[in-house]
């Protein structure tokens, strides 16, 4: 019986917690897709990386003092030969189940959108646009702007101006 594979596996298992803790400060950089950074840099968008390695942008809305949060996700999803990346922008936060009026409004709004669809992500109503993973910087910029404008408009509609600017 060869003990070397067993000993190597035990040593690797013991070393993994130390390797993970040594890399923890760079966890977001390790999972971030550098292609997205290059695209955002080329269109001169400021961003931060979140804890998942996604790109977090805050856009100023035209003709108002409002801003809108947009995420360009690093993971690429695949189905067969189709590869997509997602652009997200939240518009509403609920507690528990979405009220029927909110859910129905989001479904109705989805049918009117040129890009994307409204989805539930935990307690949030989020506009999600799925782009080809190899989209150009201009296509990504169009999606970011569209997501920000549509989500900010939906936030105002669902929450009202008196609720402030959460996203």
N, C-alpha and C. Protein backbone atom coordinates (compact mmCIF):
# COMPACT_ATOMS: atom_id res chain seq x y z
N UNK A 1 0.85 -1.18 0.00
CA UNK A 1 0.00 0.00 0.00
C UNK A 1 0.89 1.23 0.00
N UNK A 2 0.63 2.16 -0.89
CA UNK A 2 1.42 3.38 -0.99
C UNK A 2 0.79 4.46 -0.11
N UNK A 3 1.51 4.90 0.92
CA UNK A 3 0.99 5.90 1.86
C UNK A 3 1.16 7.33 1.37
N UNK A 4 2.00 7.53 0.35
CA UNK A 4 2.29 8.90 -0.09
C UNK A 4 1.02 9.68 -0.47
N UNK A 5 0.09 9.13 -1.28
CA UNK A 5 -1.13 9.89 -1.62
C UNK A 5 -1.94 10.25 -0.39
N UNK A 6 -2.03 9.35 0.59
CA UNK A 6 -2.81 9.63 1.80
C UNK A 6 -2.16 10.75 2.61
N UNK A 7 -0.84 10.68 2.78
CA UNK A 7 -0.13 11.70 3.55
C UNK A 7 -0.22 13.05 2.84
N UNK A 8 -0.07 13.06 1.52
CA UNK A 8 -0.16 14.31 0.76
C UNK A 8 -1.55 14.91 0.91
N UNK A 9 -2.59 14.08 0.88
CA UNK A 9 -3.95 14.59 1.02
C UNK A 9 -4.17 15.17 2.41
N UNK A 10 -3.66 14.53 3.43
CA UNK A 10 -3.79 15.03 4.80
C UNK A 10 -3.07 16.37 4.95
N UNK A 11 -1.84 16.45 4.43
CA UNK A 11 -1.09 17.70 4.51
C UNK A 11 -1.78 18.84 3.77
N UNK A 12 -2.34 18.53 2.61
CA UNK A 12 -3.06 19.56 1.86
C UNK A 12 -4.30 20.02 2.62
N UNK A 13 -5.01 19.07 3.24
CA UNK A 13 -6.20 19.43 4.00
C UNK A 13 -5.85 20.31 5.19
N UNK A 14 -4.73 20.02 5.83
CA UNK A 14 -4.29 20.84 6.96
C UNK A 14 -3.83 22.22 6.51
N UNK A 15 -3.28 22.34 5.32
CA UNK A 15 -2.76 23.62 4.83
C UNK A 15 -3.84 24.51 4.26
N UNK A 16 -4.97 23.95 3.82
CA UNK A 16 -6.01 24.75 3.17
C UNK A 16 -6.53 25.90 4.03
N UNK A 17 -6.83 25.71 5.33
CA UNK A 17 -7.31 26.85 6.11
C UNK A 17 -6.31 27.99 6.17
N UNK A 18 -5.01 27.65 6.22
CA UNK A 18 -3.98 28.69 6.28
C UNK A 18 -3.86 29.40 4.94
N UNK A 19 -3.98 28.67 3.85
CA UNK A 19 -3.91 29.30 2.52
C UNK A 19 -5.09 30.22 2.31
N UNK A 20 -6.27 29.78 2.73
CA UNK A 20 -7.47 30.61 2.55
C UNK A 20 -7.37 31.88 3.38
N UNK A 21 -6.90 31.79 4.62
CA UNK A 21 -6.82 32.99 5.44
C UNK A 21 -5.74 33.93 4.94
N UNK A 22 -4.70 33.40 4.35
CA UNK A 22 -3.65 34.27 3.82
C UNK A 22 -4.15 35.03 2.60
N UNK A 23 -5.12 34.46 1.87
CA UNK A 23 -5.62 35.10 0.65
C UNK A 23 -6.88 35.90 0.89
N UNK A 24 -7.45 35.87 2.08
CA UNK A 24 -8.73 36.50 2.34
C UNK A 24 -8.79 37.97 1.94
N UNK A 25 -7.76 38.81 2.20
CA UNK A 25 -7.88 40.21 1.81
C UNK A 25 -8.06 40.42 0.31
N UNK A 26 -7.61 39.47 -0.50
CA UNK A 26 -7.73 39.61 -1.95
C UNK A 26 -8.84 38.74 -2.53
N UNK A 27 -9.75 38.28 -1.69
CA UNK A 27 -10.79 37.36 -2.17
C UNK A 27 -11.58 37.95 -3.32
N UNK A 28 -11.94 39.25 -3.24
CA UNK A 28 -12.72 39.84 -4.32
C UNK A 28 -11.90 39.97 -5.59
N UNK A 29 -10.63 40.34 -5.48
CA UNK A 29 -9.78 40.47 -6.66
C UNK A 29 -9.56 39.11 -7.31
N UNK A 30 -9.51 38.06 -6.51
CA UNK A 30 -9.27 36.71 -7.03
C UNK A 30 -10.46 36.24 -7.86
N UNK A 31 -11.69 36.64 -7.51
CA UNK A 31 -12.87 36.17 -8.22
C UNK A 31 -13.36 37.17 -9.27
N UNK A 32 -12.79 38.37 -9.29
CA UNK A 32 -13.23 39.39 -10.25
C UNK A 32 -12.72 39.05 -11.65
N UNK A 33 -13.57 39.30 -12.63
CA UNK A 33 -13.21 39.07 -14.03
C UNK A 33 -12.48 40.31 -14.55
N UNK A 34 -11.21 40.17 -14.85
CA UNK A 34 -10.40 41.30 -15.31
C UNK A 34 -10.90 41.88 -16.63
N UNK A 35 -11.61 41.07 -17.43
CA UNK A 35 -12.16 41.58 -18.69
C UNK A 35 -13.18 42.69 -18.43
N UNK A 36 -13.95 42.55 -17.35
CA UNK A 36 -14.93 43.58 -17.00
C UNK A 36 -14.21 44.86 -16.61
N UNK A 37 -13.17 44.74 -15.81
CA UNK A 37 -12.40 45.93 -15.40
C UNK A 37 -11.86 46.66 -16.63
N UNK A 38 -11.35 45.93 -17.59
CA UNK A 38 -10.82 46.56 -18.80
C UNK A 38 -11.90 47.30 -19.56
N UNK A 39 -13.10 46.69 -19.67
CA UNK A 39 -14.20 47.35 -20.37
C UNK A 39 -14.63 48.62 -19.62
N UNK A 40 -14.79 48.51 -18.30
CA UNK A 40 -15.21 49.68 -17.52
C UNK A 40 -14.16 50.78 -17.55
N UNK A 41 -12.90 50.40 -17.50
CA UNK A 41 -11.82 51.38 -17.59
C UNK A 41 -11.83 52.09 -18.95
N UNK A 42 -12.13 51.34 -20.01
CA UNK A 42 -12.12 51.94 -21.35
C UNK A 42 -13.23 52.96 -21.54
N UNK A 43 -14.33 52.80 -20.80
CA UNK A 43 -15.42 53.79 -20.89
C UNK A 43 -15.39 54.75 -19.70
N UNK A 44 -14.32 54.66 -18.93
CA UNK A 44 -14.03 55.58 -17.82
C UNK A 44 -15.12 55.60 -16.76
N UNK A 45 -15.59 54.42 -16.38
CA UNK A 45 -16.56 54.28 -15.29
C UNK A 45 -15.80 53.96 -14.01
N UNK A 46 -16.15 54.65 -12.95
CA UNK A 46 -15.58 54.35 -11.64
C UNK A 46 -16.36 53.19 -11.03
N UNK A 47 -15.65 52.32 -10.34
CA UNK A 47 -16.28 51.15 -9.75
C UNK A 47 -15.49 50.70 -8.53
N UNK A 48 -16.14 49.85 -7.75
CA UNK A 48 -15.50 49.15 -6.64
C UNK A 48 -15.81 47.68 -6.82
N UNK A 49 -14.98 46.83 -6.24
CA UNK A 49 -15.27 45.40 -6.22
C UNK A 49 -15.98 45.08 -4.93
N UNK A 50 -17.06 44.29 -5.02
CA UNK A 50 -17.72 43.86 -3.79
C UNK A 50 -17.09 42.56 -3.30
N UNK A 51 -17.62 42.01 -2.22
CA UNK A 51 -17.04 40.82 -1.62
C UNK A 51 -17.13 39.59 -2.50
N UNK A 52 -18.00 39.61 -3.51
CA UNK A 52 -18.14 38.49 -4.45
C UNK A 52 -17.28 38.65 -5.70
N UNK A 53 -16.58 39.78 -5.81
CA UNK A 53 -15.79 40.04 -7.02
C UNK A 53 -16.61 40.66 -8.13
N UNK A 54 -17.80 41.14 -7.81
CA UNK A 54 -18.63 41.83 -8.81
C UNK A 54 -18.28 43.31 -8.80
N UNK A 55 -18.55 43.98 -9.91
CA UNK A 55 -18.23 45.40 -10.06
C UNK A 55 -19.43 46.23 -9.65
N UNK A 56 -19.23 47.10 -8.68
CA UNK A 56 -20.29 47.93 -8.11
C UNK A 56 -20.09 49.36 -8.61
N UNK A 57 -21.11 49.90 -9.28
CA UNK A 57 -21.06 51.26 -9.81
C UNK A 57 -22.20 52.07 -9.19
N UNK A 58 -21.97 53.34 -8.97
CA UNK A 58 -23.01 54.26 -8.54
C UNK A 58 -23.09 55.35 -9.60
N UNK A 59 -24.22 55.40 -10.31
CA UNK A 59 -24.40 56.36 -11.39
C UNK A 59 -25.28 57.51 -10.93
N UNK A 60 -24.91 58.72 -11.32
CA UNK A 60 -25.74 59.89 -11.05
C UNK A 60 -26.83 59.95 -12.11
N UNK A 61 -28.06 60.14 -11.64
CA UNK A 61 -29.18 60.22 -12.57
C UNK A 61 -29.28 61.63 -13.14
N UNK A 62 -29.54 61.73 -14.44
CA UNK A 62 -29.62 63.05 -15.06
C UNK A 62 -30.80 63.86 -14.51
N UNK A 63 -30.60 65.13 -14.41
CA UNK A 63 -31.66 66.08 -14.00
C UNK A 63 -32.24 65.79 -12.62
N UNK A 64 -31.45 65.20 -11.73
CA UNK A 64 -31.92 64.98 -10.37
C UNK A 64 -30.71 64.82 -9.45
N UNK A 65 -30.98 64.82 -8.18
CA UNK A 65 -29.92 64.59 -7.20
C UNK A 65 -29.83 63.11 -6.84
N UNK A 66 -30.52 62.27 -7.58
CA UNK A 66 -30.57 60.84 -7.29
C UNK A 66 -29.37 60.10 -7.89
N UNK A 67 -29.08 58.96 -7.29
CA UNK A 67 -28.07 58.05 -7.82
C UNK A 67 -28.70 56.68 -7.98
N UNK A 68 -28.04 55.81 -8.70
CA UNK A 68 -28.55 54.44 -8.86
C UNK A 68 -27.39 53.47 -8.82
N UNK A 69 -27.58 52.41 -8.06
CA UNK A 69 -26.60 51.35 -7.90
C UNK A 69 -26.75 50.34 -9.04
N UNK A 70 -25.62 49.97 -9.63
CA UNK A 70 -25.60 48.97 -10.70
C UNK A 70 -24.43 48.03 -10.43
N UNK A 71 -24.67 46.75 -10.65
CA UNK A 71 -23.61 45.74 -10.52
C UNK A 71 -23.37 45.09 -11.87
N UNK A 72 -22.11 44.94 -12.23
CA UNK A 72 -21.75 44.10 -13.38
C UNK A 72 -21.14 42.85 -12.76
N UNK A 73 -21.82 41.76 -12.94
CA UNK A 73 -21.40 40.51 -12.30
C UNK A 73 -20.20 39.90 -13.01
N UNK A 74 -19.29 39.38 -12.23
CA UNK A 74 -18.11 38.72 -12.79
C UNK A 74 -18.38 37.34 -13.38
N UNK A 75 -19.22 36.53 -12.71
CA UNK A 75 -19.43 35.18 -13.27
C UNK A 75 -20.07 35.22 -14.66
N UNK A 76 -19.67 34.29 -15.47
CA UNK A 76 -20.26 34.10 -16.79
C UNK A 76 -21.08 32.83 -16.72
N UNK A 77 -22.35 32.92 -17.12
CA UNK A 77 -23.23 31.75 -17.14
C UNK A 77 -23.21 31.15 -18.54
N UNK A 78 -23.34 29.83 -18.60
CA UNK A 78 -23.28 29.15 -19.90
C UNK A 78 -24.44 28.18 -20.06
N UNK A 79 -24.93 28.12 -21.28
CA UNK A 79 -25.86 27.09 -21.69
C UNK A 79 -25.48 26.70 -23.11
N UNK A 80 -24.99 25.49 -23.29
CA UNK A 80 -24.49 25.09 -24.59
C UNK A 80 -23.38 26.03 -25.03
N UNK A 81 -23.59 26.67 -26.18
CA UNK A 81 -22.59 27.62 -26.70
C UNK A 81 -22.88 29.06 -26.32
N UNK A 82 -23.94 29.27 -25.53
CA UNK A 82 -24.32 30.63 -25.14
C UNK A 82 -23.62 30.98 -23.83
N UNK A 83 -22.95 32.12 -23.82
CA UNK A 83 -22.26 32.60 -22.62
C UNK A 83 -22.76 34.01 -22.33
N UNK A 84 -23.30 34.24 -21.12
CA UNK A 84 -23.84 35.54 -20.77
C UNK A 84 -23.27 36.05 -19.45
N UNK A 85 -23.25 37.36 -19.36
CA UNK A 85 -22.88 38.07 -18.13
C UNK A 85 -24.09 38.92 -17.74
N UNK A 86 -24.27 39.13 -16.44
CA UNK A 86 -25.42 39.87 -15.98
C UNK A 86 -25.05 41.26 -15.47
N UNK A 87 -25.96 42.20 -15.74
CA UNK A 87 -25.90 43.55 -15.18
C UNK A 87 -27.15 43.66 -14.32
N UNK A 88 -26.97 44.02 -13.04
CA UNK A 88 -28.08 44.10 -12.08
C UNK A 88 -28.25 45.52 -11.57
N UNK A 89 -29.50 45.91 -11.31
CA UNK A 89 -29.77 47.17 -10.64
C UNK A 89 -31.02 47.01 -9.78
N UNK A 90 -30.89 47.19 -8.45
CA UNK A 90 -32.03 47.01 -7.55
C UNK A 90 -32.96 48.22 -7.58
N UNK A 91 -34.24 47.95 -7.32
CA UNK A 91 -35.23 49.04 -7.33
C UNK A 91 -36.13 49.04 -6.11
N UNK A 92 -36.22 47.93 -5.42
CA UNK A 92 -37.19 47.84 -4.32
C UNK A 92 -36.74 46.77 -3.35
N UNK A 93 -36.99 47.01 -2.07
CA UNK A 93 -36.69 46.02 -1.03
C UNK A 93 -37.97 45.73 -0.25
N UNK A 94 -38.27 44.47 -0.09
CA UNK A 94 -39.46 44.08 0.65
C UNK A 94 -39.09 43.29 1.89
N UNK A 95 -40.12 42.95 2.65
CA UNK A 95 -40.00 42.08 3.81
C UNK A 95 -40.86 40.86 3.54
N UNK A 96 -40.26 39.71 3.46
CA UNK A 96 -41.03 38.50 3.19
C UNK A 96 -41.48 38.44 1.74
N UNK A 97 -42.69 37.94 1.54
CA UNK A 97 -43.24 37.82 0.19
C UNK A 97 -43.51 39.19 -0.41
N UNK A 98 -43.33 39.32 -1.72
CA UNK A 98 -43.66 40.57 -2.39
C UNK A 98 -45.18 40.73 -2.37
N UNK A 99 -45.67 41.92 -2.09
CA UNK A 99 -47.11 42.16 -2.23
C UNK A 99 -47.54 41.90 -3.68
N UNK A 100 -48.75 41.42 -3.84
CA UNK A 100 -49.25 41.10 -5.18
C UNK A 100 -49.17 42.30 -6.11
N UNK A 101 -49.48 43.49 -5.61
CA UNK A 101 -49.44 44.68 -6.47
C UNK A 101 -48.03 44.95 -6.98
N UNK A 102 -47.03 44.75 -6.15
CA UNK A 102 -45.63 44.96 -6.56
C UNK A 102 -45.23 43.89 -7.58
N UNK A 103 -45.51 42.62 -7.26
CA UNK A 103 -45.15 41.54 -8.17
C UNK A 103 -45.82 41.70 -9.53
N UNK A 104 -47.11 42.07 -9.52
CA UNK A 104 -47.81 42.27 -10.79
C UNK A 104 -47.27 43.45 -11.56
N UNK A 105 -46.91 44.52 -10.86
CA UNK A 105 -46.33 45.68 -11.56
C UNK A 105 -45.00 45.31 -12.20
N UNK A 106 -44.18 44.55 -11.50
CA UNK A 106 -42.89 44.14 -12.05
C UNK A 106 -43.07 43.23 -13.26
N UNK A 107 -44.04 42.32 -13.21
CA UNK A 107 -44.32 41.48 -14.38
C UNK A 107 -44.77 42.31 -15.57
N UNK A 108 -45.66 43.26 -15.30
CA UNK A 108 -46.14 44.13 -16.37
C UNK A 108 -44.99 44.95 -16.95
N UNK A 109 -44.14 45.50 -16.08
CA UNK A 109 -43.01 46.31 -16.53
C UNK A 109 -42.03 45.48 -17.35
N UNK A 110 -41.86 44.21 -16.99
CA UNK A 110 -40.94 43.35 -17.74
C UNK A 110 -41.36 43.24 -19.20
N UNK A 111 -42.65 43.15 -19.44
CA UNK A 111 -43.10 43.01 -20.83
C UNK A 111 -42.85 44.27 -21.65
N UNK A 112 -42.70 45.41 -20.98
CA UNK A 112 -42.46 46.67 -21.68
C UNK A 112 -40.97 46.99 -21.86
N UNK A 113 -40.09 46.23 -21.21
CA UNK A 113 -38.66 46.53 -21.27
C UNK A 113 -38.06 46.18 -22.62
N UNK A 114 -37.11 46.99 -23.05
CA UNK A 114 -36.34 46.66 -24.26
C UNK A 114 -35.22 45.69 -23.92
N UNK A 115 -34.69 45.79 -22.71
CA UNK A 115 -33.61 44.92 -22.24
C UNK A 115 -33.96 44.39 -20.86
N UNK A 116 -33.62 43.14 -20.59
CA UNK A 116 -33.69 42.60 -19.26
C UNK A 116 -35.07 42.22 -18.79
N UNK A 117 -35.11 41.86 -17.50
CA UNK A 117 -36.35 41.45 -16.85
C UNK A 117 -36.21 41.72 -15.36
N UNK A 118 -37.36 41.92 -14.72
CA UNK A 118 -37.37 42.08 -13.26
C UNK A 118 -37.33 40.71 -12.63
N UNK A 119 -36.46 40.58 -11.62
CA UNK A 119 -36.31 39.32 -10.90
C UNK A 119 -36.33 39.59 -9.40
N UNK A 120 -36.65 38.56 -8.67
CA UNK A 120 -36.55 38.63 -7.22
C UNK A 120 -35.21 38.02 -6.82
N UNK A 121 -34.43 38.78 -6.09
CA UNK A 121 -33.16 38.31 -5.53
C UNK A 121 -33.25 38.53 -4.03
N UNK A 122 -33.67 37.49 -3.30
CA UNK A 122 -33.91 37.64 -1.86
C UNK A 122 -35.02 38.64 -1.64
N UNK A 123 -34.78 39.67 -0.81
CA UNK A 123 -35.83 40.66 -0.55
C UNK A 123 -35.90 41.76 -1.60
N UNK A 124 -35.07 41.69 -2.63
CA UNK A 124 -34.94 42.79 -3.60
C UNK A 124 -35.62 42.48 -4.93
N UNK A 125 -36.21 43.52 -5.53
CA UNK A 125 -36.63 43.49 -6.92
C UNK A 125 -35.47 44.09 -7.71
N UNK A 126 -34.93 43.30 -8.63
CA UNK A 126 -33.71 43.68 -9.35
C UNK A 126 -33.95 43.58 -10.85
N UNK A 127 -33.55 44.61 -11.57
CA UNK A 127 -33.56 44.52 -13.03
C UNK A 127 -32.29 43.78 -13.44
N UNK A 128 -32.45 42.70 -14.18
CA UNK A 128 -31.31 41.89 -14.61
C UNK A 128 -31.26 41.89 -16.13
N UNK A 129 -30.13 42.33 -16.66
CA UNK A 129 -29.90 42.32 -18.10
C UNK A 129 -28.81 41.29 -18.37
N UNK A 130 -29.10 40.37 -19.27
CA UNK A 130 -28.13 39.33 -19.64
C UNK A 130 -27.54 39.68 -21.00
N UNK A 131 -26.23 39.87 -20.99
CA UNK A 131 -25.51 40.26 -22.20
C UNK A 131 -24.60 39.14 -22.65
N UNK A 132 -24.24 39.11 -23.94
CA UNK A 132 -23.20 38.18 -24.34
C UNK A 132 -21.93 38.43 -23.50
N UNK A 133 -21.29 37.39 -23.05
CA UNK A 133 -20.11 37.54 -22.20
C UNK A 133 -19.00 38.32 -22.90
N UNK A 134 -18.99 38.29 -24.23
CA UNK A 134 -17.96 39.01 -24.98
C UNK A 134 -18.47 40.34 -25.54
N UNK A 135 -19.47 40.92 -24.89
CA UNK A 135 -20.02 42.21 -25.34
C UNK A 135 -18.94 43.28 -25.34
N UNK A 136 -19.10 44.23 -26.24
CA UNK A 136 -18.14 45.34 -26.33
C UNK A 136 -18.36 46.31 -25.17
N UNK A 137 -17.42 47.21 -25.00
CA UNK A 137 -17.55 48.23 -23.96
C UNK A 137 -18.79 49.08 -24.19
N UNK A 138 -19.09 49.42 -25.43
CA UNK A 138 -20.26 50.24 -25.74
C UNK A 138 -21.55 49.51 -25.40
N UNK A 139 -21.64 48.23 -25.70
CA UNK A 139 -22.83 47.45 -25.37
C UNK A 139 -22.99 47.36 -23.86
N UNK A 140 -21.89 47.13 -23.15
CA UNK A 140 -21.94 47.10 -21.69
C UNK A 140 -22.38 48.45 -21.14
N UNK A 141 -21.85 49.53 -21.69
CA UNK A 141 -22.24 50.86 -21.24
C UNK A 141 -23.73 51.10 -21.46
N UNK A 142 -24.25 50.72 -22.63
CA UNK A 142 -25.68 50.88 -22.89
C UNK A 142 -26.51 50.10 -21.88
N UNK A 143 -26.09 48.89 -21.56
CA UNK A 143 -26.83 48.07 -20.60
C UNK A 143 -26.78 48.69 -19.20
N UNK A 144 -25.63 49.21 -18.81
CA UNK A 144 -25.49 49.85 -17.50
C UNK A 144 -26.42 51.06 -17.40
N UNK A 145 -26.40 51.89 -18.42
CA UNK A 145 -27.24 53.10 -18.41
C UNK A 145 -28.71 52.72 -18.40
N UNK A 146 -29.10 51.76 -19.24
CA UNK A 146 -30.49 51.33 -19.29
C UNK A 146 -30.93 50.78 -17.94
N UNK A 147 -30.11 49.92 -17.34
CA UNK A 147 -30.45 49.32 -16.04
C UNK A 147 -30.62 50.40 -14.99
N UNK A 148 -29.71 51.36 -14.95
CA UNK A 148 -29.77 52.42 -13.94
C UNK A 148 -31.03 53.26 -14.11
N UNK A 149 -31.33 53.65 -15.32
CA UNK A 149 -32.49 54.52 -15.56
C UNK A 149 -33.80 53.78 -15.27
N UNK A 150 -33.91 52.53 -15.74
CA UNK A 150 -35.14 51.77 -15.52
C UNK A 150 -35.33 51.44 -14.05
N UNK A 151 -34.26 51.06 -13.36
CA UNK A 151 -34.38 50.72 -11.94
C UNK A 151 -34.69 51.95 -11.09
N UNK A 152 -34.07 53.09 -11.41
CA UNK A 152 -34.36 54.29 -10.65
C UNK A 152 -35.81 54.72 -10.86
N UNK A 153 -36.31 54.62 -12.08
CA UNK A 153 -37.71 54.96 -12.35
C UNK A 153 -38.65 54.02 -11.58
N UNK A 154 -38.32 52.73 -11.54
CA UNK A 154 -39.16 51.77 -10.81
C UNK A 154 -39.07 52.02 -9.31
N UNK A 155 -37.89 52.37 -8.82
CA UNK A 155 -37.76 52.69 -7.39
C UNK A 155 -38.67 53.86 -7.02
N UNK A 156 -38.66 54.90 -7.85
CA UNK A 156 -39.54 56.05 -7.60
C UNK A 156 -41.01 55.65 -7.65
N UNK A 157 -41.37 54.83 -8.63
CA UNK A 157 -42.77 54.42 -8.77
C UNK A 157 -43.23 53.58 -7.58
N UNK A 158 -42.43 52.60 -7.18
CA UNK A 158 -42.86 51.68 -6.12
C UNK A 158 -42.73 52.26 -4.72
N UNK A 159 -41.69 53.07 -4.51
CA UNK A 159 -41.43 53.58 -3.16
C UNK A 159 -41.90 55.01 -2.96
N UNK A 160 -41.96 55.77 -4.05
CA UNK A 160 -42.36 57.17 -3.94
C UNK A 160 -41.18 58.06 -3.61
N UNK A 161 -41.28 59.30 -4.03
CA UNK A 161 -40.19 60.27 -3.81
C UNK A 161 -39.96 60.52 -2.34
N UNK A 162 -41.02 60.41 -1.54
CA UNK A 162 -40.88 60.67 -0.11
C UNK A 162 -40.05 59.60 0.59
N UNK A 163 -39.89 58.44 -0.04
CA UNK A 163 -39.12 57.35 0.57
C UNK A 163 -37.63 57.57 0.46
N UNK A 164 -37.22 58.54 -0.35
CA UNK A 164 -35.79 58.81 -0.51
C UNK A 164 -35.20 58.03 -1.66
N UNK A 165 -33.89 57.86 -1.60
CA UNK A 165 -33.14 57.23 -2.68
C UNK A 165 -32.30 56.10 -2.07
N UNK A 166 -32.90 54.94 -1.93
CA UNK A 166 -32.21 53.82 -1.27
C UNK A 166 -31.11 53.23 -2.14
N UNK A 167 -31.36 53.17 -3.45
CA UNK A 167 -30.40 52.51 -4.32
C UNK A 167 -29.73 53.47 -5.25
